[in-house]
């Protein structure tokens, strides 16, 4: 079993920044994608950013492109989500996921417990 532990969430004003971290107990999977998803109350969970951890390619939802950056530190088995220019619409529980494909939520086998991000105006 793989454990993913998110950290770095919190409350910020609009325009502020946060960096989320996802520490993984294992860093090699059948499908070597890791991703950040988010879910706001009453909304469906949506993909935010994806990284192919073997090659480093990254992909972003249109809503966060240019503001968020997903990255990794292989030595630490950790994936990050740098969140800049935060908007109230970014308020959600953010989840790290591993061993899936792209933005396909149901393809991911491992999930973290989530970390809350709240952006006020």
PDB file of N, CA and C in Angstrom:
ATOM      1  N   UNK A   1       0.830  -1.183   0.000  1.00  0.00           N
ATOM      2  CA  UNK A   1       0.000   0.000   0.000  1.00  0.00           C
ATOM      3  C   UNK A   1       0.877   1.249   0.000  1.00  0.00           C
ATOM      4  N   UNK A   2       0.431   2.252  -0.731  1.00  0.00           N
ATOM      5  CA  UNK A   2       1.120   3.525  -0.829  1.00  0.00           C
ATOM      6  C   UNK A   2       0.398   4.545   0.036  1.00  0.00           C
ATOM      7  N   UNK A   3       1.171   5.299   0.778  1.00  0.00           N
ATOM      8  CA  UNK A   3       0.616   6.385   1.567  1.00  0.00           C
ATOM      9  C   UNK A   3       1.046   7.718   0.994  1.00  0.00           C
ATOM     10  N   UNK A   4       0.092   8.621   0.870  1.00  0.00           N
ATOM     11  CA  UNK A   4       0.338   9.971   0.406  1.00  0.00           C
ATOM     12  C   UNK A   4      -0.108  10.933   1.497  1.00  0.00           C
ATOM     13  N   UNK A   5       0.763  11.845   1.860  1.00  0.00           N
ATOM     14  CA  UNK A   5       0.466  12.788   2.928  1.00  0.00           C
ATOM     15  C   UNK A   5       0.614  14.198   2.402  1.00  0.00           C
ATOM     16  N   UNK A   6      -0.501  14.926   2.362  1.00  0.00           N
ATOM     17  CA  UNK A   6      -0.485  16.311   1.912  1.00  0.00           C
ATOM     18  C   UNK A   6      -0.249  17.249   3.084  1.00  0.00           C
ATOM     19  N   UNK A   7       0.352  18.378   2.776  1.00  0.00           N
ATOM     20  CA  UNK A   7       0.524  19.423   3.760  1.00  0.00           C
ATOM     21  C   UNK A   7       0.615  20.754   3.033  1.00  0.00           C
ATOM     22  N   UNK A   8       0.537  21.823   3.785  1.00  0.00           N
ATOM     23  CA  UNK A   8       0.736  23.148   3.227  1.00  0.00           C
ATOM     24  C   UNK A   8      -0.514  23.967   3.012  1.00  0.00           C
ATOM     25  N   UNK A   9      -1.664  23.379   3.242  1.00  0.00           N
ATOM     26  CA  UNK A   9      -2.888  24.138   3.091  1.00  0.00           C
ATOM     27  C   UNK A   9      -3.032  25.188   4.170  1.00  0.00           C
ATOM     28  N   UNK A  10      -3.978  26.076   3.959  1.00  0.00           N
ATOM     29  CA  UNK A  10      -4.219  27.139   4.915  1.00  0.00           C
ATOM     30  C   UNK A  10      -5.160  28.163   4.344  1.00  0.00           C
ATOM     31  N   UNK A  11      -5.215  29.294   5.011  1.00  0.00           N
ATOM     32  CA  UNK A  11      -6.081  30.399   4.609  1.00  0.00           C
ATOM     33  C   UNK A  11      -5.239  31.578   4.158  1.00  0.00           C
ATOM     34  N   UNK A  12      -5.592  32.136   3.011  1.00  0.00           N
ATOM     35  CA  UNK A  12      -4.879  33.284   2.473  1.00  0.00           C
ATOM     36  C   UNK A  12      -5.869  34.257   1.855  1.00  0.00           C
ATOM     37  N   UNK A  13      -5.408  35.471   1.669  1.00  0.00           N
ATOM     38  CA  UNK A  13      -6.175  36.471   0.954  1.00  0.00           C
ATOM     39  C   UNK A  13      -6.029  36.268  -0.545  1.00  0.00           C
ATOM     40  N   UNK A  14      -7.021  36.702  -1.282  1.00  0.00           N
ATOM     41  CA  UNK A  14      -6.928  36.664  -2.733  1.00  0.00           C
ATOM     42  C   UNK A  14      -5.649  37.353  -3.196  1.00  0.00           C
ATOM     43  N   UNK A  15      -4.992  36.726  -4.158  1.00  0.00           N
ATOM     44  CA  UNK A  15      -3.723  37.226  -4.641  1.00  0.00           C
ATOM     45  C   UNK A  15      -2.520  36.625  -3.946  1.00  0.00           C
ATOM     46  N   UNK A  16      -2.749  35.929  -2.863  1.00  0.00           N
ATOM     47  CA  UNK A  16      -1.672  35.320  -2.121  1.00  0.00           C
ATOM     48  C   UNK A  16      -1.219  34.001  -2.706  1.00  0.00           C
ATOM     49  N   UNK A  17      -0.286  33.367  -2.006  1.00  0.00           N
ATOM     50  CA  UNK A  17       0.319  32.131  -2.480  1.00  0.00           C
ATOM     51  C   UNK A  17       0.369  31.090  -1.383  1.00  0.00           C
ATOM     52  N   UNK A  18       0.333  29.836  -1.804  1.00  0.00           N
ATOM     53  CA  UNK A  18       0.559  28.699  -0.931  1.00  0.00           C
ATOM     54  C   UNK A  18       1.329  27.651  -1.713  1.00  0.00           C
ATOM     55  N   UNK A  19       2.075  26.839  -1.008  1.00  0.00           N
ATOM     56  CA  UNK A  19       2.709  25.688  -1.621  1.00  0.00           C
ATOM     57  C   UNK A  19       2.261  24.431  -0.907  1.00  0.00           C
ATOM     58  N   UNK A  20       1.625  23.548  -1.639  1.00  0.00           N
ATOM     59  CA  UNK A  20       1.201  22.271  -1.117  1.00  0.00           C
ATOM     60  C   UNK A  20       2.276  21.220  -1.381  1.00  0.00           C
ATOM     61  N   UNK A  21       2.408  20.293  -0.459  1.00  0.00           N
ATOM     62  CA  UNK A  21       3.350  19.199  -0.605  1.00  0.00           C
ATOM     63  C   UNK A  21       2.623  17.874  -0.491  1.00  0.00           C
ATOM     64  N   UNK A  22       3.092  16.903  -1.230  1.00  0.00           N
ATOM     65  CA  UNK A  22       2.573  15.544  -1.146  1.00  0.00           C
ATOM     66  C   UNK A  22       3.757  14.600  -1.033  1.00  0.00           C
ATOM     67  N   UNK A  23       3.926  14.037   0.136  1.00  0.00           N
ATOM     68  CA  UNK A  23       5.012  13.093   0.380  1.00  0.00           C
ATOM     69  C   UNK A  23       4.497  11.675   0.181  1.00  0.00           C
ATOM     70  N   UNK A  24       5.168  10.929  -0.653  1.00  0.00           N
ATOM     71  CA  UNK A  24       4.742   9.581  -1.006  1.00  0.00           C
ATOM     72  C   UNK A  24       5.658   8.541  -0.379  1.00  0.00           C
ATOM     73  N   UNK A  25       5.067   7.457   0.093  1.00  0.00           N
ATOM     74  CA  UNK A  25       5.860   6.377   0.665  1.00  0.00           C
ATOM     75  C   UNK A  25       6.535   5.529  -0.401  1.00  0.00           C
ATOM     76  N   UNK A  26       6.064   5.630  -1.620  1.00  0.00           N
ATOM     77  CA  UNK A  26       6.667   4.964  -2.751  1.00  0.00           C
ATOM     78  C   UNK A  26       6.570   5.881  -3.947  1.00  0.00           C
ATOM     79  N   UNK A  27       7.531   5.780  -4.825  1.00  0.00           N
ATOM     80  CA  UNK A  27       7.584   6.719  -5.929  1.00  0.00           C
ATOM     81  C   UNK A  27       7.772   6.020  -7.268  1.00  0.00           C
ATOM     82  N   UNK A  28       7.222   4.847  -7.377  1.00  0.00           N
ATOM     83  CA  UNK A  28       7.214   4.117  -8.630  1.00  0.00           C
ATOM     84  C   UNK A  28       5.915   3.343  -8.705  1.00  0.00           C
ATOM     85  N   UNK A  29       5.206   3.485  -9.822  1.00  0.00           N
ATOM     86  CA  UNK A  29       3.870   2.936  -9.936  1.00  0.00           C
ATOM     87  C   UNK A  29       3.686   2.262 -11.291  1.00  0.00           C
ATOM     88  N   UNK A  30       2.566   1.585 -11.442  1.00  0.00           N
ATOM     89  CA  UNK A  30       2.233   1.029 -12.745  1.00  0.00           C
ATOM     90  C   UNK A  30       2.056   2.145 -13.770  1.00  0.00           C
ATOM     91  N   UNK A  31       1.360   3.195 -13.355  1.00  0.00           N
ATOM     92  CA  UNK A  31       1.196   4.395 -14.166  1.00  0.00           C
ATOM     93  C   UNK A  31       1.824   5.551 -13.409  1.00  0.00           C
ATOM     94  N   UNK A  32       2.892   6.089 -13.959  1.00  0.00           N
ATOM     95  CA  UNK A  32       3.701   7.035 -13.204  1.00  0.00           C
ATOM     96  C   UNK A  32       3.241   8.480 -13.349  1.00  0.00           C
ATOM     97  N   UNK A  33       1.967   8.677 -13.086  1.00  0.00           N
ATOM     98  CA  UNK A  33       1.423  10.011 -12.959  1.00  0.00           C
ATOM     99  C   UNK A  33       1.080  10.278 -11.510  1.00  0.00           C
ATOM    100  N   UNK A  34       1.312  11.493 -11.094  1.00  0.00           N
ATOM    101  CA  UNK A  34       0.769  11.993  -9.850  1.00  0.00           C
ATOM    102  C   UNK A  34       0.019  13.268 -10.165  1.00  0.00           C
ATOM    103  N   UNK A  35      -0.963  13.558  -9.352  1.00  0.00           N
ATOM    104  CA  UNK A  35      -1.848  14.667  -9.671  1.00  0.00           C
ATOM    105  C   UNK A  35      -2.380  15.326  -8.416  1.00  0.00           C
ATOM    106  N   UNK A  36      -2.808  16.543  -8.616  1.00  0.00           N
ATOM    107  CA  UNK A  36      -3.580  17.249  -7.606  1.00  0.00           C
ATOM    108  C   UNK A  36      -5.005  17.417  -8.111  1.00  0.00           C
ATOM    109  N   UNK A  37      -5.950  17.014  -7.285  1.00  0.00           N
ATOM    110  CA  UNK A  37      -7.365  17.250  -7.514  1.00  0.00           C
ATOM    111  C   UNK A  37      -7.885  18.145  -6.401  1.00  0.00           C
ATOM    112  N   UNK A  38      -9.016  18.757  -6.648  1.00  0.00           N
ATOM    113  CA  UNK A  38      -9.635  19.563  -5.604  1.00  0.00           C
ATOM    114  C   UNK A  38     -11.145  19.396  -5.641  1.00  0.00           C
ATOM    115  N   UNK A  39     -11.756  19.613  -4.492  1.00  0.00           N
ATOM    116  CA  UNK A  39     -13.198  19.510  -4.399  1.00  0.00           C
ATOM    117  C   UNK A  39     -13.724  20.569  -3.451  1.00  0.00           C
ATOM    118  N   UNK A  40     -14.592  21.405  -3.964  1.00  0.00           N
ATOM    119  CA  UNK A  40     -15.280  22.393  -3.155  1.00  0.00           C
ATOM    120  C   UNK A  40     -16.624  21.828  -2.719  1.00  0.00           C
ATOM    121  N   UNK A  41     -17.177  22.318  -1.617  1.00  0.00           N
ATOM    122  CA  UNK A  41     -18.474  21.816  -1.164  1.00  0.00           C
ATOM    123  C   UNK A  41     -19.539  21.929  -2.240  1.00  0.00           C
ATOM    124  N   UNK A  42     -20.258  20.841  -2.455  1.00  0.00           N
ATOM    125  CA  UNK A  42     -21.312  20.832  -3.444  1.00  0.00           C
ATOM    126  C   UNK A  42     -20.847  20.725  -4.876  1.00  0.00           C
ATOM    127  N   UNK A  43     -19.551  20.598  -5.082  1.00  0.00           N
ATOM    128  CA  UNK A  43     -18.997  20.509  -6.425  1.00  0.00           C
ATOM    129  C   UNK A  43     -18.335  19.158  -6.641  1.00  0.00           C
ATOM    130  N   UNK A  44     -18.219  18.783  -7.889  1.00  0.00           N
ATOM    131  CA  UNK A  44     -17.491  17.570  -8.219  1.00  0.00           C
ATOM    132  C   UNK A  44     -16.000  17.797  -8.056  1.00  0.00           C
ATOM    133  N   UNK A  45     -15.311  16.721  -7.761  1.00  0.00           N
ATOM    134  CA  UNK A  45     -13.864  16.805  -7.700  1.00  0.00           C
ATOM    135  C   UNK A  45     -13.313  17.029  -9.102  1.00  0.00           C
ATOM    136  N   UNK A  46     -12.341  17.908  -9.216  1.00  0.00           N
ATOM    137  CA  UNK A  46     -11.774  18.233 -10.505  1.00  0.00           C
ATOM    138  C   UNK A  46     -10.255  18.167 -10.465  1.00  0.00           C
ATOM    139  N   UNK A  47      -9.691  17.790 -11.581  1.00  0.00           N
ATOM    140  CA  UNK A  47      -8.249  17.765 -11.695  1.00  0.00           C
ATOM    141  C   UNK A  47      -7.692  19.171 -11.792  1.00  0.00           C
ATOM    142  N   UNK A  48      -6.587  19.392 -11.126  1.00  0.00           N
ATOM    143  CA  UNK A  48      -5.938  20.694 -11.101  1.00  0.00           C
ATOM    144  C   UNK A  48      -4.635  20.674 -11.894  1.00  0.00           C
ATOM    145  N   UNK A  49      -3.783  19.726 -11.572  1.00  0.00           N
ATOM    146  CA  UNK A  49      -2.482  19.638 -12.214  1.00  0.00           C
ATOM    147  C   UNK A  49      -1.994  18.206 -12.171  1.00  0.00           C
ATOM    148  N   UNK A  50      -1.235  17.829 -13.175  1.00  0.00           N
ATOM    149  CA  UNK A  50      -0.741  16.473 -13.317  1.00  0.00           C
ATOM    150  C   UNK A  50       0.739  16.524 -13.659  1.00  0.00           C
ATOM    151  N   UNK A  51       1.483  15.598 -13.118  1.00  0.00           N
ATOM    152  CA  UNK A  51       2.884  15.454 -13.480  1.00  0.00           C
ATOM    153  C   UNK A  51       3.191  13.996 -13.776  1.00  0.00           C
ATOM    154  N   UNK A  52       3.895  13.780 -14.872  1.00  0.00           N
ATOM    155  CA  UNK A  52       4.401  12.451 -15.186  1.00  0.00           C
ATOM    156  C   UNK A  52       5.761  12.357 -14.511  1.00  0.00           C
ATOM    157  N   UNK A  53       5.825  11.593 -13.441  1.00  0.00           N
ATOM    158  CA  UNK A  53       6.990  11.682 -12.568  1.00  0.00           C
ATOM    159  C   UNK A  53       8.244  11.061 -13.164  1.00  0.00           C
ATOM    160  N   UNK A  54       8.082  10.241 -14.179  1.00  0.00           N
ATOM    161  CA  UNK A  54       9.253   9.666 -14.830  1.00  0.00           C
ATOM    162  C   UNK A  54       9.919  10.671 -15.759  1.00  0.00           C
ATOM    163  N   UNK A  55       9.119  11.360 -16.548  1.00  0.00           N
ATOM    164  CA  UNK A  55       9.674  12.287 -17.510  1.00  0.00           C
ATOM    165  C   UNK A  55       9.547  13.751 -17.153  1.00  0.00           C
ATOM    166  N   UNK A  56       8.691  14.061 -16.170  1.00  0.00           N
ATOM    167  CA  UNK A  56       8.558  15.428 -15.714  1.00  0.00           C
ATOM    168  C   UNK A  56       7.559  16.286 -16.472  1.00  0.00           C
ATOM    169  N   UNK A  57       6.871  15.729 -17.447  1.00  0.00           N
ATOM    170  CA  UNK A  57       5.868  16.506 -18.172  1.00  0.00           C
ATOM    171  C   UNK A  57       4.740  16.903 -17.243  1.00  0.00           C
ATOM    172  N   UNK A  58       4.221  18.086 -17.439  1.00  0.00           N
ATOM    173  CA  UNK A  58       3.169  18.611 -16.582  1.00  0.00           C
ATOM    174  C   UNK A  58       1.980  19.080 -17.399  1.00  0.00           C
ATOM    175  N   UNK A  59       0.822  19.060 -16.775  1.00  0.00           N
ATOM    176  CA  UNK A  59      -0.425  19.447 -17.412  1.00  0.00           C
ATOM    177  C   UNK A  59      -1.270  20.173 -16.378  1.00  0.00           C
ATOM    178  N   UNK A  60      -2.054  21.137 -16.857  1.00  0.00           N
ATOM    179  CA  UNK A  60      -2.833  21.965 -15.955  1.00  0.00           C
ATOM    180  C   UNK A  60      -4.251  22.157 -16.455  1.00  0.00           C
ATOM    181  N   UNK A  61      -5.158  22.268 -15.497  1.00  0.00           N
ATOM    182  CA  UNK A  61      -6.495  22.701 -15.835  1.00  0.00           C
ATOM    183  C   UNK A  61      -6.451  24.145 -16.313  1.00  0.00           C
ATOM    184  N   UNK A  62      -7.322  24.484 -17.237  1.00  0.00           N
ATOM    185  CA  UNK A  62      -7.346  25.848 -17.761  1.00  0.00           C
ATOM    186  C   UNK A  62      -7.534  26.887 -16.658  1.00  0.00           C
ATOM    187  N   UNK A  63      -8.281  26.532 -15.642  1.00  0.00           N
ATOM    188  CA  UNK A  63      -8.594  27.483 -14.588  1.00  0.00           C
ATOM    189  C   UNK A  63      -7.392  27.884 -13.747  1.00  0.00           C
ATOM    190  N   UNK A  64      -6.332  27.086 -13.777  1.00  0.00           N
ATOM    191  CA  UNK A  64      -5.162  27.390 -12.958  1.00  0.00           C
ATOM    192  C   UNK A  64      -3.910  27.627 -13.780  1.00  0.00           C
ATOM    193  N   UNK A  65      -3.998  27.443 -15.065  1.00  0.00           N
ATOM    194  CA  UNK A  65      -2.828  27.591 -15.926  1.00  0.00           C
ATOM    195  C   UNK A  65      -2.255  29.001 -15.806  1.00  0.00           C
ATOM    196  N   UNK A  66      -0.958  29.059 -15.626  1.00  0.00           N
ATOM    197  CA  UNK A  66      -0.290  30.332 -15.461  1.00  0.00           C
ATOM    198  C   UNK A  66      -0.201  30.800 -14.029  1.00  0.00           C
ATOM    199  N   UNK A  67      -0.961  30.173 -13.137  1.00  0.00           N
ATOM    200  CA  UNK A  67      -0.943  30.543 -11.731  1.00  0.00           C
ATOM    201  C   UNK A  67      -0.360  29.445 -10.848  1.00  0.00           C
ATOM    202  N   UNK A  68      -0.620  28.198 -11.194  1.00  0.00           N
ATOM    203  CA  UNK A  68      -0.156  27.063 -10.404  1.00  0.00           C
ATOM    204  C   UNK A  68       0.973  26.350 -11.133  1.00  0.00           C
ATOM    205  N   UNK A  69       1.881  25.774 -10.360  1.00  0.00           N
ATOM    206  CA  UNK A  69       2.966  24.989 -10.911  1.00  0.00           C
ATOM    207  C   UNK A  69       3.110  23.694 -10.126  1.00  0.00           C
ATOM    208  N   UNK A  70       3.069  22.575 -10.820  1.00  0.00           N
ATOM    209  CA  UNK A  70       3.318  21.293 -10.183  1.00  0.00           C
ATOM    210  C   UNK A  70       4.763  20.909 -10.446  1.00  0.00           C
ATOM    211  N   UNK A  71       5.415  20.385  -9.435  1.00  0.00           N
ATOM    212  CA  UNK A  71       6.815  20.002  -9.552  1.00  0.00           C
ATOM    213  C   UNK A  71       7.088  18.818  -8.646  1.00  0.00           C
ATOM    214  N   UNK A  72       8.288  18.292  -8.721  1.00  0.00           N
ATOM    215  CA  UNK A  72       8.638  17.139  -7.910  1.00  0.00           C
ATOM    216  C   UNK A  72      10.068  17.223  -7.441  1.00  0.00           C
ATOM    217  N   UNK A  73      10.335  16.518  -6.357  1.00  0.00           N
ATOM    218  CA  UNK A  73      11.679  16.293  -5.859  1.00  0.00           C
ATOM    219  C   UNK A  73      11.809  14.784  -5.710  1.00  0.00           C
ATOM    220  N   UNK A  74      12.444  14.156  -6.682  1.00  0.00           N
ATOM    221  CA  UNK A  74      12.543  12.701  -6.685  1.00  0.00           C
ATOM    222  C   UNK A  74      13.250  12.154  -5.440  1.00  0.00           C
ATOM    223  N   UNK A  75      14.263  12.865  -4.983  1.00  0.00           N
ATOM    224  CA  UNK A  75      15.024  12.410  -3.828  1.00  0.00           C
ATOM    225  C   UNK A  75      14.172  12.359  -2.573  1.00  0.00           C
ATOM    226  N   UNK A  76      13.144  13.186  -2.525  1.00  0.00           N
ATOM    227  CA  UNK A  76      12.276  13.252  -1.353  1.00  0.00           C
ATOM    228  C   UNK A  76      10.946  12.543  -1.562  1.00  0.00           C
ATOM    229  N   UNK A  77      10.761  11.939  -2.736  1.00  0.00           N
ATOM    230  CA  UNK A  77       9.480  11.299  -3.058  1.00  0.00           C
ATOM    231  C   UNK A  77       8.320  12.258  -2.827  1.00  0.00           C
ATOM    232  N   UNK A  78       8.493  13.476  -3.276  1.00  0.00           N
ATOM    233  CA  UNK A  78       7.521  14.517  -2.973  1.00  0.00           C
ATOM    234  C   UNK A  78       7.122  15.286  -4.226  1.00  0.00           C
ATOM    235  N   UNK A  79       5.837  15.551  -4.328  1.00  0.00           N
ATOM    236  CA  UNK A  79       5.287  16.396  -5.376  1.00  0.00           C
ATOM    237  C   UNK A  79       4.733  17.654  -4.732  1.00  0.00           C
ATOM    238  N   UNK A  80       4.918  18.766  -5.409  1.00  0.00           N
ATOM    239  CA  UNK A  80       4.497  20.055  -4.886  1.00  0.00           C
ATOM    240  C   UNK A  80       3.481  20.699  -5.815  1.00  0.00           C
ATOM    241  N   UNK A  81       2.690  21.567  -5.242  1.00  0.00           N
ATOM    242  CA  UNK A  81       1.827  22.427  -6.029  1.00  0.00           C
ATOM    243  C   UNK A  81       2.018  23.851  -5.525  1.00  0.00           C
ATOM    244  N   UNK A  82       2.719  24.644  -6.309  1.00  0.00           N
ATOM    245  CA  UNK A  82       2.882  26.049  -5.991  1.00  0.00           C
ATOM    246  C   UNK A  82       1.680  26.798  -6.534  1.00  0.00           C
ATOM    247  N   UNK A  83       0.988  27.487  -5.664  1.00  0.00           N
ATOM    248  CA  UNK A  83      -0.250  28.163  -6.008  1.00  0.00           C
ATOM    249  C   UNK A  83      -0.060  29.659  -5.812  1.00  0.00           C
ATOM    250  N   UNK A  84      -0.047  30.387  -6.906  1.00  0.00           N
ATOM    251  CA  UNK A  84       0.113  31.834  -6.871  1.00  0.00           C
ATOM    252  C   UNK A  84      -1.148  32.510  -7.369  1.00  0.00           C
ATOM    253  N   UNK A  85      -1.248  33.788  -7.075  1.00  0.00           N
ATOM    254  CA  UNK A  85      -2.394  34.584  -7.517  1.00  0.00           C
ATOM    255  C   UNK A  85      -3.708  33.889  -7.195  1.00  0.00           C
ATOM    256  N   UNK A  86      -3.820  33.441  -5.974  1.00  0.00           N
ATOM    257  CA  UNK A  86      -4.983  32.659  -5.577  1.00  0.00           C
ATOM    258  C   UNK A  86      -6.259  33.488  -5.632  1.00  0.00           C
ATOM    259  N   UNK A  87      -7.323  32.818  -6.013  1.00  0.00           N
ATOM    260  CA  UNK A  87      -8.636  33.416  -6.128  1.00  0.00           C
ATOM    261  C   UNK A  87      -9.601  32.715  -5.181  1.00  0.00           C
ATOM    262  N   UNK A  88     -10.668  33.387  -4.770  1.00  0.00           N
ATOM    263  CA  UNK A  88     -11.665  32.706  -3.937  1.00  0.00           C
ATOM    264  C   UNK A  88     -12.186  31.420  -4.563  1.00  0.00           C
ATOM    265  N   UNK A  89     -12.256  31.372  -5.878  1.00  0.00           N
ATOM    266  CA  UNK A  89     -12.722  30.182  -6.573  1.00  0.00           C
ATOM    267  C   UNK A  89     -11.794  28.987  -6.396  1.00  0.00           C
ATOM    268  N   UNK A  90     -10.578  29.226  -5.917  1.00  0.00           N
ATOM    269  CA  UNK A  90      -9.643  28.146  -5.650  1.00  0.00           C
ATOM    270  C   UNK A  90      -9.899  27.466  -4.315  1.00  0.00           C
ATOM    271  N   UNK A  91     -10.790  28.005  -3.521  1.00  0.00           N
ATOM    272  CA  UNK A  91     -11.100  27.420  -2.222  1.00  0.00           C
ATOM    273  C   UNK A  91     -11.648  26.012  -2.399  1.00  0.00           C
ATOM    274  N   UNK A  92     -11.008  25.055  -1.755  1.00  0.00           N
ATOM    275  CA  UNK A  92     -11.390  23.653  -1.897  1.00  0.00           C
ATOM    276  C   UNK A  92     -10.510  22.801  -1.006  1.00  0.00           C
ATOM    277  N   UNK A  93     -10.903  21.546  -0.867  1.00  0.00           N
ATOM    278  CA  UNK A  93     -10.018  20.547  -0.313  1.00  0.00           C
ATOM    279  C   UNK A  93      -9.167  20.025  -1.460  1.00  0.00           C
ATOM    280  N   UNK A  94      -7.875  20.037  -1.276  1.00  0.00           N
ATOM    281  CA  UNK A  94      -6.955  19.597  -2.308  1.00  0.00           C
ATOM    282  C   UNK A  94      -6.412  18.224  -1.956  1.00  0.00           C
ATOM    283  N   UNK A  95      -6.451  17.323  -2.925  1.00  0.00           N
ATOM    284  CA  UNK A  95      -6.030  15.949  -2.735  1.00  0.00           C
ATOM    285  C   UNK A  95      -4.897  15.597  -3.679  1.00  0.00           C
ATOM    286  N   UNK A  96      -3.927  14.913  -3.152  1.00  0.00           N
ATOM    287  CA  UNK A  96      -2.860  14.345  -3.950  1.00  0.00           C
ATOM    288  C   UNK A  96      -3.245  12.930  -4.359  1.00  0.00           C
ATOM    289  N   UNK A  97      -2.931  12.563  -5.582  1.00  0.00           N
ATOM    290  CA  UNK A  97      -3.243  11.237  -6.083  1.00  0.00           C
ATOM    291  C   UNK A  97      -2.047  10.673  -6.842  1.00  0.00           C
ATOM    292  N   UNK A  98      -1.933   9.358  -6.825  1.00  0.00           N
ATOM    293  CA  UNK A  98      -0.820   8.700  -7.500  1.00  0.00           C
ATOM    294  C   UNK A  98      -1.277   7.429  -8.195  1.00  0.00           C
ATOM    295  N   UNK A  99      -0.510   7.033  -9.192  1.00  0.00           N
ATOM    296  CA  UNK A  99      -0.744   5.801  -9.943  1.00  0.00           C
ATOM    297  C   UNK A  99      -2.042   5.878 -10.727  1.00  0.00           C
ATOM    298  N   UNK A 100      -2.111   6.873 -11.565  1.00  0.00           N
ATOM    299  CA  UNK A 100      -3.227   7.040 -12.468  1.00  0.00           C
ATOM    300  C   UNK A 100      -2.747   7.628 -13.770  1.00  0.00           C
ATOM    301  N   UNK A 101      -3.695   8.137 -14.542  1.00  0.00           N
ATOM    302  CA  UNK A 101      -3.383   8.651 -15.865  1.00  0.00           C
ATOM    303  C   UNK A 101      -4.028  10.013 -16.059  1.00  0.00           C
ATOM    304  N   UNK A 102      -3.214  11.011 -16.257  1.00  0.00           N
ATOM    305  CA  UNK A 102      -3.718  12.330 -16.600  1.00  0.00           C
ATOM    306  C   UNK A 102      -4.722  12.873 -15.608  1.00  0.00           C
ATOM    307  N   UNK A 103      -5.814  13.405 -16.144  1.00  0.00           N
ATOM    308  CA  UNK A 103      -6.862  13.981 -15.318  1.00  0.00           C
ATOM    309  C   UNK A 103      -8.005  13.016 -15.053  1.00  0.00           C
ATOM    310  N   UNK A 104      -7.797  11.732 -15.309  1.00  0.00           N
ATOM    311  CA  UNK A 104      -8.853  10.749 -15.133  1.00  0.00           C
ATOM    312  C   UNK A 104      -8.910  10.340 -13.669  1.00  0.00           C
ATOM    313  N   UNK A 105      -9.849  10.912 -12.952  1.00  0.00           N
ATOM    314  CA  UNK A 105      -9.926  10.734 -11.507  1.00  0.00           C
ATOM    315  C   UNK A 105      -9.990   9.264 -11.104  1.00  0.00           C
ATOM    316  N   UNK A 106     -10.850   8.499 -11.749  1.00  0.00           N
ATOM    317  CA  UNK A 106     -11.065   7.124 -11.317  1.00  0.00           C
ATOM    318  C   UNK A 106      -9.885   6.225 -11.617  1.00  0.00           C
ATOM    319  N   UNK A 107      -8.938   6.703 -12.409  1.00  0.00           N
ATOM    320  CA  UNK A 107      -7.784   5.881 -12.730  1.00  0.00           C
ATOM    321  C   UNK A 107      -6.753   5.844 -11.603  1.00  0.00           C
ATOM    322  N   UNK A 108      -6.832   6.769 -10.669  1.00  0.00           N
ATOM    323  CA  UNK A 108      -5.824   6.849  -9.621  1.00  0.00           C
ATOM    324  C   UNK A 108      -6.092   5.866  -8.497  1.00  0.00           C
ATOM    325  N   UNK A 109      -5.057   5.162  -8.106  1.00  0.00           N
ATOM    326  CA  UNK A 109      -5.182   4.109  -7.101  1.00  0.00           C
ATOM    327  C   UNK A 109      -4.925   4.575  -5.679  1.00  0.00           C
ATOM    328  N   UNK A 110      -4.193   5.651  -5.520  1.00  0.00           N
ATOM    329  CA  UNK A 110      -3.805   6.100  -4.187  1.00  0.00           C
ATOM    330  C   UNK A 110      -4.145   7.562  -4.015  1.00  0.00           C
ATOM    331  N   UNK A 111      -4.640   7.887  -2.831  1.00  0.00           N
ATOM    332  CA  UNK A 111      -5.082   9.235  -2.522  1.00  0.00           C
ATOM    333  C   UNK A 111      -4.630   9.648  -1.144  1.00  0.00           C
ATOM    334  N   UNK A 112      -4.287  10.904  -1.003  1.00  0.00           N
ATOM    335  CA  UNK A 112      -4.002  11.457   0.295  1.00  0.00           C
ATOM    336  C   UNK A 112      -5.269  11.838   1.027  1.00  0.00           C
ATOM    337  N   UNK A 113      -5.103  12.307   2.235  1.00  0.00           N
ATOM    338  CA  UNK A 113      -6.241  12.649   3.088  1.00  0.00           C
ATOM    339  C   UNK A 113      -6.821  14.016   2.774  1.00  0.00           C
ATOM    340  N   UNK A 114      -6.103  14.817   2.040  1.00  0.00           N
ATOM    341  CA  UNK A 114      -6.559  16.137   1.671  1.00  0.00           C
ATOM    342  C   UNK A 114      -6.009  17.227   2.567  1.00  0.00           C
ATOM    343  N   UNK A 115      -5.862  18.408   1.998  1.00  0.00           N
ATOM    344  CA  UNK A 115      -5.467  19.582   2.758  1.00  0.00           C
ATOM    345  C   UNK A 115      -6.323  20.752   2.291  1.00  0.00           C
ATOM    346  N   UNK A 116      -6.854  21.492   3.243  1.00  0.00           N
ATOM    347  CA  UNK A 116      -7.808  22.544   2.935  1.00  0.00           C
ATOM    348  C   UNK A 116      -7.102  23.824   2.517  1.00  0.00           C
ATOM    349  N   UNK A 117      -7.593  24.413   1.442  1.00  0.00           N
ATOM    350  CA  UNK A 117      -7.142  25.721   0.988  1.00  0.00           C
ATOM    351  C   UNK A 117      -8.345  26.649   0.981  1.00  0.00           C
ATOM    352  N   UNK A 118      -8.217  27.754   1.676  1.00  0.00           N
ATOM    353  CA  UNK A 118      -9.284  28.733   1.742  1.00  0.00           C
ATOM    354  C   UNK A 118      -8.738  30.087   1.308  1.00  0.00           C
ATOM    355  N   UNK A 119      -9.383  30.682   0.327  1.00  0.00           N
ATOM    356  CA  UNK A 119      -8.960  31.973  -0.206  1.00  0.00           C
ATOM    357  C   UNK A 119     -10.098  32.959  -0.010  1.00  0.00           C
ATOM    358  N   UNK A 120      -9.822  34.012   0.711  1.00  0.00           N
ATOM    359  CA  UNK A 120     -10.830  35.018   0.985  1.00  0.00           C
ATOM    360  C   UNK A 120     -10.598  36.248   0.128  1.00  0.00           C
ATOM    361  N   UNK A 121     -11.676  36.971  -0.114  1.00  0.00           N
ATOM    362  CA  UNK A 121     -11.594  38.181  -0.924  1.00  0.00           C
ATOM    363  C   UNK A 121     -11.422  39.419  -0.078  1.00  0.00           C
TER     364      UNK A 121
END
